[in-house]
Every structure is written in C-alpha cells, then in structure tokens.
Amino acid sequence: MIQVTIDQLIFSPIEIEAKVGDTIEWTNKDIVAHTAMVRDDWDVIIAANKSASFVLQKAGTFEYYCRFHPNMKWHIIVNPK
C-alpha cells in the first residue's frame, strides 16, 4: 500500500511511482474534504480527518489534483504489473 498524506492543502509525497494493482491510501489531516482526481479517469473523495483508498487499474503517467482545490496537484507514474 502506498501512503499519501494531505496536510495544509499539500499532498505528500507529491510524486510517486507505482504498479497496476497497487493501492494508494490518502490520509486527510485537514479540516476540509479533498479529492484525488485524474480527469476523465478517477475521482476519490477524502473526507476531513479521514482516509480513502483506490486500486490503480491502468499504466501511465498521470497528474492528479483536488477537484475542490485545483491548485493541489500531484504526479504519479503507474507501471505495468
């Protein structure tokens, strides 16, 4: 499982490398909800002070961001299994 923390409107780490089938778990330490969204692909809602997870389903290089706070950006490289 790949752990990503959201704290003070920042994803950490801001770049990771993973494989198809890996799970990402976001832990939101902020007092507001966030999302982890890749346009036209996936959108995970992470409630305030909660965690959420997603299983990576396809390879590629993706920029994802928070739909509620578009300046929050993150980069992921997903390799084939």
N, C-alpha and C. Protein backbone atom coordinates (compact mmCIF):
# COMPACT_ATOMS: atom_id res chain seq x y z
N MET A 1 0.85 -1.18 0.00
CA MET A 1 0.00 0.00 0.00
C MET A 1 0.89 1.24 0.00
N ILE A 2 0.51 2.19 -0.83
CA ILE A 2 1.25 3.45 -0.93
C ILE A 2 0.50 4.49 -0.10
N GLN A 3 1.18 5.11 0.83
CA GLN A 3 0.58 6.08 1.73
C GLN A 3 0.85 7.50 1.23
N VAL A 4 -0.22 8.31 1.15
CA VAL A 4 -0.10 9.72 0.81
C VAL A 4 -0.83 10.50 1.89
N THR A 5 -0.18 11.52 2.41
CA THR A 5 -0.78 12.37 3.44
C THR A 5 -1.19 13.71 2.82
N ILE A 6 -2.33 14.19 3.24
CA ILE A 6 -2.78 15.54 2.86
C ILE A 6 -2.77 16.37 4.13
N ASP A 7 -1.97 17.44 4.13
CA ASP A 7 -1.86 18.28 5.31
C ASP A 7 -1.60 19.71 4.84
N GLN A 8 -2.41 20.64 5.31
CA GLN A 8 -2.30 22.05 4.95
C GLN A 8 -2.35 22.25 3.43
N LEU A 9 -3.30 21.54 2.78
CA LEU A 9 -3.57 21.64 1.35
C LEU A 9 -2.39 21.16 0.48
N ILE A 10 -1.61 20.22 1.00
CA ILE A 10 -0.47 19.68 0.25
C ILE A 10 -0.51 18.15 0.29
N PHE A 11 -0.38 17.52 -0.90
CA PHE A 11 -0.21 16.08 -0.99
C PHE A 11 1.26 15.77 -0.69
N SER A 12 1.52 14.75 0.11
CA SER A 12 2.90 14.38 0.40
C SER A 12 3.03 12.86 0.45
N PRO A 13 3.91 12.27 -0.35
CA PRO A 13 4.82 12.94 -1.28
C PRO A 13 4.05 13.44 -2.51
N ILE A 14 4.65 14.36 -3.24
CA ILE A 14 3.95 14.94 -4.40
C ILE A 14 4.19 14.15 -5.67
N GLU A 15 5.10 13.17 -5.62
CA GLU A 15 5.33 12.32 -6.78
C GLU A 15 5.66 10.91 -6.30
N ILE A 16 5.02 9.92 -6.92
CA ILE A 16 5.33 8.53 -6.59
C ILE A 16 5.36 7.71 -7.86
N GLU A 17 5.93 6.52 -7.73
CA GLU A 17 5.92 5.52 -8.79
C GLU A 17 5.28 4.27 -8.22
N ALA A 18 4.37 3.66 -8.99
CA ALA A 18 3.61 2.51 -8.51
C ALA A 18 3.42 1.54 -9.67
N LYS A 19 2.70 0.45 -9.39
CA LYS A 19 2.38 -0.54 -10.41
C LYS A 19 0.88 -0.74 -10.47
N VAL A 20 0.38 -1.16 -11.62
CA VAL A 20 -1.02 -1.53 -11.75
C VAL A 20 -1.33 -2.56 -10.66
N GLY A 21 -2.42 -2.37 -9.96
CA GLY A 21 -2.81 -3.28 -8.88
C GLY A 21 -2.42 -2.78 -7.50
N ASP A 22 -1.50 -1.80 -7.43
CA ASP A 22 -1.14 -1.21 -6.13
C ASP A 22 -2.30 -0.38 -5.60
N THR A 23 -2.37 -0.28 -4.29
CA THR A 23 -3.39 0.54 -3.64
C THR A 23 -2.75 1.80 -3.09
N ILE A 24 -3.39 2.93 -3.36
CA ILE A 24 -2.98 4.20 -2.76
C ILE A 24 -3.97 4.51 -1.64
N GLU A 25 -3.45 4.89 -0.49
CA GLU A 25 -4.31 5.33 0.60
C GLU A 25 -3.94 6.76 0.96
N TRP A 26 -4.91 7.64 0.88
CA TRP A 26 -4.73 9.03 1.26
C TRP A 26 -5.27 9.23 2.67
N THR A 27 -4.50 9.92 3.49
CA THR A 27 -4.95 10.30 4.83
C THR A 27 -5.04 11.81 4.86
N ASN A 28 -6.24 12.31 5.07
CA ASN A 28 -6.51 13.74 5.05
C ASN A 28 -6.46 14.28 6.47
N LYS A 29 -5.45 15.08 6.77
CA LYS A 29 -5.30 15.68 8.10
C LYS A 29 -5.91 17.08 8.17
N ASP A 30 -6.46 17.55 7.06
CA ASP A 30 -7.07 18.87 7.02
C ASP A 30 -8.49 18.84 7.58
N ILE A 31 -9.02 20.02 7.86
CA ILE A 31 -10.39 20.12 8.40
C ILE A 31 -11.43 20.28 7.31
N VAL A 32 -10.99 20.17 6.04
CA VAL A 32 -11.90 20.23 4.89
C VAL A 32 -11.69 18.99 4.03
N ALA A 33 -12.71 18.62 3.27
CA ALA A 33 -12.61 17.48 2.36
C ALA A 33 -11.75 17.82 1.15
N HIS A 34 -11.16 16.77 0.57
CA HIS A 34 -10.38 16.89 -0.65
C HIS A 34 -10.77 15.76 -1.59
N THR A 35 -10.28 15.82 -2.82
CA THR A 35 -10.42 14.70 -3.74
C THR A 35 -9.05 14.41 -4.35
N ALA A 36 -8.92 13.22 -4.87
CA ALA A 36 -7.76 12.85 -5.68
C ALA A 36 -8.35 12.49 -7.04
N MET A 37 -8.19 13.38 -8.01
CA MET A 37 -8.89 13.23 -9.29
C MET A 37 -7.92 13.25 -10.46
N VAL A 38 -8.11 12.28 -11.35
CA VAL A 38 -7.45 12.29 -12.66
C VAL A 38 -8.57 12.51 -13.65
N ARG A 39 -8.50 13.59 -14.40
CA ARG A 39 -9.58 13.98 -15.32
C ARG A 39 -9.98 12.81 -16.23
N ASP A 40 -11.28 12.56 -16.30
CA ASP A 40 -11.87 11.51 -17.15
C ASP A 40 -11.40 10.10 -16.78
N ASP A 41 -10.92 9.91 -15.54
CA ASP A 41 -10.47 8.58 -15.16
C ASP A 41 -10.95 8.20 -13.77
N TRP A 42 -10.46 8.85 -12.72
CA TRP A 42 -10.91 8.50 -11.38
C TRP A 42 -10.99 9.73 -10.49
N ASP A 43 -11.83 9.62 -9.47
CA ASP A 43 -12.08 10.72 -8.55
C ASP A 43 -12.41 10.13 -7.19
N VAL A 44 -11.50 10.26 -6.26
CA VAL A 44 -11.67 9.70 -4.92
C VAL A 44 -11.91 10.85 -3.95
N ILE A 45 -13.00 10.78 -3.19
CA ILE A 45 -13.30 11.81 -2.18
C ILE A 45 -12.68 11.38 -0.86
N ILE A 46 -11.93 12.30 -0.23
CA ILE A 46 -11.29 12.04 1.05
C ILE A 46 -11.85 13.05 2.04
N ALA A 47 -12.71 12.58 2.92
CA ALA A 47 -13.36 13.45 3.90
C ALA A 47 -12.33 14.02 4.88
N ALA A 48 -12.69 15.13 5.51
CA ALA A 48 -11.82 15.76 6.50
C ALA A 48 -11.49 14.76 7.62
N ASN A 49 -10.23 14.72 7.98
CA ASN A 49 -9.75 13.85 9.07
C ASN A 49 -10.09 12.38 8.86
N LYS A 50 -10.12 11.94 7.60
CA LYS A 50 -10.42 10.54 7.26
C LYS A 50 -9.41 10.05 6.23
N SER A 51 -9.53 8.77 5.89
CA SER A 51 -8.70 8.16 4.85
C SER A 51 -9.59 7.57 3.77
N ALA A 52 -9.02 7.42 2.59
CA ALA A 52 -9.71 6.77 1.47
C ALA A 52 -8.64 6.09 0.63
N SER A 53 -9.05 5.05 -0.12
CA SER A 53 -8.07 4.33 -0.92
C SER A 53 -8.62 4.04 -2.32
N PHE A 54 -7.69 3.67 -3.21
CA PHE A 54 -8.02 3.39 -4.60
C PHE A 54 -6.98 2.42 -5.15
N VAL A 55 -7.45 1.42 -5.92
CA VAL A 55 -6.56 0.46 -6.56
C VAL A 55 -6.26 0.96 -7.98
N LEU A 56 -4.99 1.10 -8.30
CA LEU A 56 -4.58 1.59 -9.62
C LEU A 56 -4.88 0.53 -10.67
N GLN A 57 -5.57 0.95 -11.75
CA GLN A 57 -6.08 -0.01 -12.72
C GLN A 57 -5.45 0.07 -14.09
N LYS A 58 -4.69 1.14 -14.38
CA LYS A 58 -4.04 1.19 -15.69
C LYS A 58 -2.73 1.93 -15.60
N ALA A 59 -1.83 1.54 -16.51
CA ALA A 59 -0.50 2.13 -16.54
C ALA A 59 -0.53 3.49 -17.22
N GLY A 60 0.43 4.32 -16.86
CA GLY A 60 0.57 5.62 -17.49
C GLY A 60 1.18 6.62 -16.52
N THR A 61 1.35 7.82 -17.01
CA THR A 61 1.82 8.93 -16.19
C THR A 61 0.65 9.88 -16.02
N PHE A 62 0.31 10.20 -14.79
CA PHE A 62 -0.89 10.97 -14.50
C PHE A 62 -0.59 12.15 -13.59
N GLU A 63 -1.26 13.24 -13.87
CA GLU A 63 -1.32 14.38 -12.96
C GLU A 63 -2.67 14.30 -12.27
N TYR A 64 -2.69 14.31 -10.97
CA TYR A 64 -3.99 14.37 -10.33
C TYR A 64 -4.05 15.58 -9.43
N TYR A 65 -5.25 15.97 -9.09
CA TYR A 65 -5.45 17.19 -8.33
C TYR A 65 -6.71 17.06 -7.48
N CYS A 66 -6.90 18.02 -6.61
CA CYS A 66 -8.11 18.08 -5.79
C CYS A 66 -9.16 18.89 -6.57
N ARG A 67 -10.31 18.27 -6.79
CA ARG A 67 -11.39 18.95 -7.53
C ARG A 67 -11.86 20.19 -6.77
N PHE A 68 -11.80 20.16 -5.44
CA PHE A 68 -12.24 21.30 -4.63
C PHE A 68 -11.17 22.40 -4.55
N HIS A 69 -9.92 22.01 -4.68
CA HIS A 69 -8.78 22.94 -4.56
C HIS A 69 -7.81 22.63 -5.71
N PRO A 70 -8.10 23.10 -6.94
CA PRO A 70 -7.34 22.70 -8.12
C PRO A 70 -5.84 23.04 -8.08
N ASN A 71 -5.43 23.91 -7.18
CA ASN A 71 -4.00 24.21 -7.07
C ASN A 71 -3.24 23.09 -6.36
N MET A 72 -3.96 22.15 -5.74
CA MET A 72 -3.33 21.00 -5.11
C MET A 72 -3.09 19.95 -6.19
N LYS A 73 -1.83 19.76 -6.57
CA LYS A 73 -1.51 18.85 -7.67
C LYS A 73 -0.51 17.80 -7.19
N TRP A 74 -0.51 16.67 -7.92
CA TRP A 74 0.30 15.53 -7.56
C TRP A 74 0.61 14.76 -8.82
N HIS A 75 1.70 14.02 -8.84
CA HIS A 75 2.16 13.32 -10.04
C HIS A 75 2.37 11.85 -9.70
N ILE A 76 1.88 10.97 -10.57
CA ILE A 76 2.07 9.53 -10.35
C ILE A 76 2.43 8.84 -11.66
N ILE A 77 3.41 7.94 -11.56
CA ILE A 77 3.78 7.09 -12.68
C ILE A 77 3.32 5.68 -12.30
N VAL A 78 2.46 5.10 -13.13
CA VAL A 78 1.95 3.75 -12.88
C VAL A 78 2.53 2.83 -13.95
N ASN A 79 3.35 1.89 -13.52
CA ASN A 79 3.98 0.93 -14.42
C ASN A 79 3.10 -0.31 -14.55
N PRO A 80 3.23 -1.05 -15.66
CA PRO A 80 2.50 -2.32 -15.78
C PRO A 80 2.92 -3.27 -14.66
N LYS A 81 2.11 -4.27 -14.40
CA LYS A 81 2.43 -5.26 -13.35
C LYS A 81 3.76 -5.90 -13.58
